[in-house]
N, C-alpha and C. Protein backbone atom coordinates (compact mmCIF):
# COMPACT_ATOMS: atom_id res chain seq x y z
N MET A 1 -5.84 -12.48 5.16
CA MET A 1 -6.14 -11.43 4.00
C MET A 1 -5.71 -10.29 4.65
N ALA A 2 -5.31 -9.98 6.20
CA ALA A 2 -4.64 -8.70 6.33
C ALA A 2 -3.06 -8.90 6.11
N SER A 3 -2.58 -10.18 5.83
CA SER A 3 -1.03 -10.21 5.62
C SER A 3 -0.72 -9.85 4.06
N SER A 4 -2.07 -9.85 3.23
CA SER A 4 -1.79 -9.68 1.88
C SER A 4 -1.51 -8.12 1.78
N ILE A 5 -2.22 -7.42 2.71
CA ILE A 5 -2.27 -5.55 2.85
C ILE A 5 -0.73 -5.25 3.19
N LEU A 6 -0.42 -5.97 4.34
CA LEU A 6 0.91 -5.89 4.85
C LEU A 6 1.92 -6.14 3.78
N LEU A 7 1.93 -7.36 3.13
CA LEU A 7 2.86 -7.59 1.98
C LEU A 7 2.92 -6.24 0.77
N VAL A 8 1.91 -5.82 0.48
CA VAL A 8 1.89 -4.72 -0.10
C VAL A 8 2.54 -3.58 0.26
N LEU A 9 2.35 -3.35 1.71
CA LEU A 9 2.97 -2.25 2.06
C LEU A 9 4.58 -2.30 2.33
N LEU A 10 4.83 -3.51 2.87
CA LEU A 10 6.25 -3.86 2.88
C LEU A 10 6.78 -3.71 1.36
N LEU A 11 6.14 -4.15 0.33
CA LEU A 11 6.80 -4.06 -1.00
C LEU A 11 6.91 -2.60 -1.28
N PHE A 12 5.98 -1.70 -0.94
CA PHE A 12 6.11 -0.35 -1.24
C PHE A 12 7.04 0.37 -0.41
N PHE A 13 7.23 -0.09 0.81
CA PHE A 13 8.26 0.46 1.61
C PHE A 13 9.93 0.01 0.84
N SER A 14 10.04 -0.92 0.73
CA SER A 14 11.20 -1.68 0.00
C SER A 14 11.56 -0.85 -1.14
N LEU A 15 10.37 -0.68 -1.94
CA LEU A 15 10.64 0.15 -3.33
C LEU A 15 11.29 1.62 -2.92
N CYS A 16 10.43 2.21 -1.99
CA CYS A 16 10.72 3.48 -1.64
C CYS A 16 12.43 3.49 -0.95
N GLY A 17 12.78 2.59 -0.33
CA GLY A 17 13.96 2.44 0.23
C GLY A 17 15.07 2.38 -0.41
N SER A 18 14.77 1.50 -1.57
CA SER A 18 15.63 1.26 -2.79
C SER A 18 16.14 2.44 -3.66
N SER A 19 14.91 3.43 -3.56
CA SER A 19 15.47 4.38 -4.48
C SER A 19 15.14 5.82 -3.59
N SER A 20 15.59 7.14 -4.05
CA SER A 20 15.31 8.04 -3.04
C SER A 20 13.90 8.66 -2.88
N LEU A 21 13.82 8.59 -1.39
CA LEU A 21 11.83 9.02 -0.74
C LEU A 21 11.34 9.77 -1.68
N THR A 22 12.31 11.06 -2.02
CA THR A 22 11.38 12.06 -2.51
C THR A 22 10.82 11.94 -4.18
N GLN A 23 11.67 10.90 -4.95
CA GLN A 23 11.58 10.72 -6.21
C GLN A 23 10.31 9.99 -6.29
N SER A 24 10.23 8.23 -5.72
CA SER A 24 9.37 7.59 -5.67
C SER A 24 8.22 7.57 -4.84
N CYS A 25 8.50 8.14 -3.58
CA CYS A 25 7.38 8.51 -2.65
C CYS A 25 6.95 10.02 -2.85
N SER A 26 6.83 10.66 -3.87
CA SER A 26 5.68 11.74 -3.82
C SER A 26 4.50 11.75 -3.00
N SER A 27 3.94 12.88 -2.89
CA SER A 27 2.48 12.87 -2.64
C SER A 27 1.53 12.18 -3.49
N GLY A 28 1.85 12.26 -4.89
CA GLY A 28 0.54 11.45 -5.48
C GLY A 28 0.70 9.87 -5.44
N SER A 29 2.01 9.31 -5.48
CA SER A 29 2.00 8.01 -5.43
C SER A 29 1.44 7.56 -4.13
N TRP A 30 1.87 8.26 -2.78
CA TRP A 30 1.35 8.00 -1.47
C TRP A 30 -0.06 7.86 -1.67
N SER A 31 -0.98 8.99 -2.28
CA SER A 31 -2.10 8.85 -2.50
C SER A 31 -2.89 7.51 -2.87
N LEU A 32 -2.09 7.39 -4.18
CA LEU A 32 -2.57 6.21 -4.72
C LEU A 32 -2.24 4.87 -3.75
N VAL A 33 -1.40 4.76 -3.16
CA VAL A 33 -1.04 3.60 -2.21
C VAL A 33 -2.17 3.52 -1.35
N LEU A 34 -2.46 4.76 -0.68
CA LEU A 34 -3.45 4.79 0.33
C LEU A 34 -4.78 4.50 -0.04
N LEU A 35 -5.00 4.69 -1.37
CA LEU A 35 -6.14 4.36 -2.00
C LEU A 35 -6.32 2.62 -1.89
N PHE A 36 -5.35 2.30 -2.57
CA PHE A 36 -5.41 0.69 -2.81
C PHE A 36 -5.27 -0.02 -1.63
N VAL A 37 -4.84 0.40 -0.60
CA VAL A 37 -4.73 -0.19 0.78
C VAL A 37 -6.22 -0.16 1.27
N LEU A 38 -6.94 1.01 1.28
CA LEU A 38 -8.03 1.14 2.05
C LEU A 38 -9.28 0.16 1.06
N SER A 39 -9.09 0.28 -0.35
CA SER A 39 -10.00 -0.57 -1.05
C SER A 39 -9.81 -2.01 -1.02
N SER A 40 -8.48 -2.46 -0.78
CA SER A 40 -8.01 -3.83 -0.43
C SER A 40 -8.80 -4.32 0.83
N TYR A 41 -8.61 -3.19 1.62
CA TYR A 41 -9.02 -3.77 3.25
C TYR A 41 -10.33 -3.63 3.33
N VAL A 42 -11.16 -2.90 2.64
CA VAL A 42 -12.84 -3.14 2.71
C VAL A 42 -13.11 -4.06 1.58
N LEU A 43 -12.45 -4.63 0.90
CA LEU A 43 -12.86 -5.65 0.02
C LEU A 43 -12.45 -7.23 0.95
N CYS A 44 -11.46 -7.11 1.60
CA CYS A 44 -11.15 -8.26 2.68
C CYS A 44 -12.24 -8.07 4.07
N HIS A 45 -12.59 -6.86 4.50
CA HIS A 45 -13.47 -6.69 5.39
C HIS A 45 -14.90 -7.43 5.05
N HIS A 46 -15.36 -6.98 3.87
CA HIS A 46 -16.73 -7.79 3.26
C HIS A 46 -16.65 -9.29 3.15
N GLN A 47 -15.27 -9.42 2.65
CA GLN A 47 -15.46 -10.86 2.37
C GLN A 47 -15.32 -11.81 3.95
N GLN A 48 -14.85 -11.38 4.85
CA GLN A 48 -15.16 -11.98 6.13
C GLN A 48 -16.48 -12.07 6.52
N TRP A 49 -17.38 -10.73 6.30
CA TRP A 49 -18.53 -11.09 6.72
C TRP A 49 -19.37 -12.01 5.74
């Protein structure tokens, strides 16, 4: 379950690395990714219980 979150993070970082950091990794996209990771982490945490 945690591996999927790491996979999403790796995918996002690879996408940011392919293009310029200032364009693809603006504050808006970073907040969206943080929200997505937090929501997926909460879902996985509830599934474990």
